[in-house]
C-alpha cells in the first residue's frame, strides 16, 4: 500500500514494532524530555510493555537517595 492510501485509511505505524495499526487502536505517548516534548504512537502490545517499563523506572527513581 502506498503512504497516502495508509494516511487516507487512518493507518499509523507503531514506533516500536513498525506494524500498521488502525486509528482506533493507537496509543499516543507524550513525553517531556530535556530535549523537549516527544510524541509517538504505539500499538496495544508495545504500549503495555512501555507502560511496564515506565512504572519500573518511576519505582527506581523513587527509591534512590536524592542527597548530593
Protein backbone atom coordinates (compact mmCIF):
# COMPACT_ATOMS: atom_id res chain seq x y z
CA UNK A 1 0.00 0.00 0.00
CA UNK A 2 1.25 3.46 -0.73
CA UNK A 3 1.78 6.01 2.04
CA UNK A 4 -1.07 8.32 1.01
CA UNK A 5 -3.57 5.43 1.00
CA UNK A 6 -2.45 4.49 4.53
CA UNK A 7 -2.99 8.08 5.67
CA UNK A 8 -6.37 8.20 3.93
CA UNK A 9 -7.48 4.99 5.67
CA UNK A 10 -6.24 6.25 9.05
CA UNK A 11 -3.46 3.67 9.45
CA UNK A 12 -0.48 4.60 11.59
CA UNK A 13 2.80 2.81 12.15
CA UNK A 14 3.83 1.67 15.62
CA UNK A 15 7.07 3.37 16.68
CA UNK A 16 8.48 0.18 18.23
CA UNK A 17 7.42 -2.79 16.07
CA UNK A 18 6.65 -0.86 12.83
CA UNK A 19 3.30 -2.66 12.49
CA UNK A 20 0.47 -0.71 10.85
CA UNK A 21 -2.47 -0.17 13.17
CA UNK A 22 -5.93 1.36 12.82
CA UNK A 23 -6.60 4.83 14.22
CA UNK A 24 -8.92 3.48 16.94
CA UNK A 25 -6.24 1.09 18.30
CA UNK A 26 -3.48 3.70 18.67
CA UNK A 27 -1.88 4.66 21.96
CA UNK A 28 -0.45 8.18 21.82
CA UNK A 29 2.59 8.70 24.04
CA UNK A 30 3.67 12.20 25.04
CA UNK A 31 6.92 12.63 26.96
CA UNK A 32 8.63 15.73 28.27
CA UNK A 33 12.38 15.27 27.88
CA UNK A 34 15.38 17.53 28.31
CA UNK A 35 15.45 17.96 24.52
CA UNK A 36 11.78 19.00 24.52
CA UNK A 37 8.41 17.31 24.11
CA UNK A 38 8.36 13.98 22.29
CA UNK A 39 5.27 12.33 20.80
CA UNK A 40 4.99 8.85 19.26
CA UNK A 41 2.34 6.22 18.58
CA UNK A 42 2.33 2.62 19.83
CA UNK A 43 0.19 -0.47 19.25
CA UNK A 44 -1.50 -2.14 22.25
CA UNK A 45 1.23 -4.74 22.85
CA UNK A 46 4.09 -2.23 22.71
CA UNK A 47 2.10 0.27 24.82
CA UNK A 48 1.71 -2.30 27.61
CA UNK A 49 5.44 -3.06 27.54
CA UNK A 50 6.25 0.66 27.55
CA UNK A 51 3.88 1.26 30.47
CA UNK A 52 5.51 -1.54 32.49
CA UNK A 53 8.97 -0.13 31.73
CA UNK A 54 7.95 3.39 32.82
CA UNK A 55 6.42 2.06 36.07
CA UNK A 56 9.68 0.26 36.90
CA UNK A 57 11.68 3.39 36.10
CA UNK A 58 9.48 5.50 38.41
CA UNK A 59 9.98 2.96 41.21
CA UNK A 60 13.77 3.03 40.79
CA UNK A 61 13.84 6.83 40.72
CA UNK A 62 11.63 6.94 43.82
CA UNK A 63 13.91 4.53 45.72
CA UNK A 64 17.20 6.31 45.13
CA UNK A 65 18.70 8.79 47.55
CA UNK A 66 18.34 12.41 46.37
CA UNK A 67 21.15 13.76 48.57
CA UNK A 68 24.23 15.21 46.92
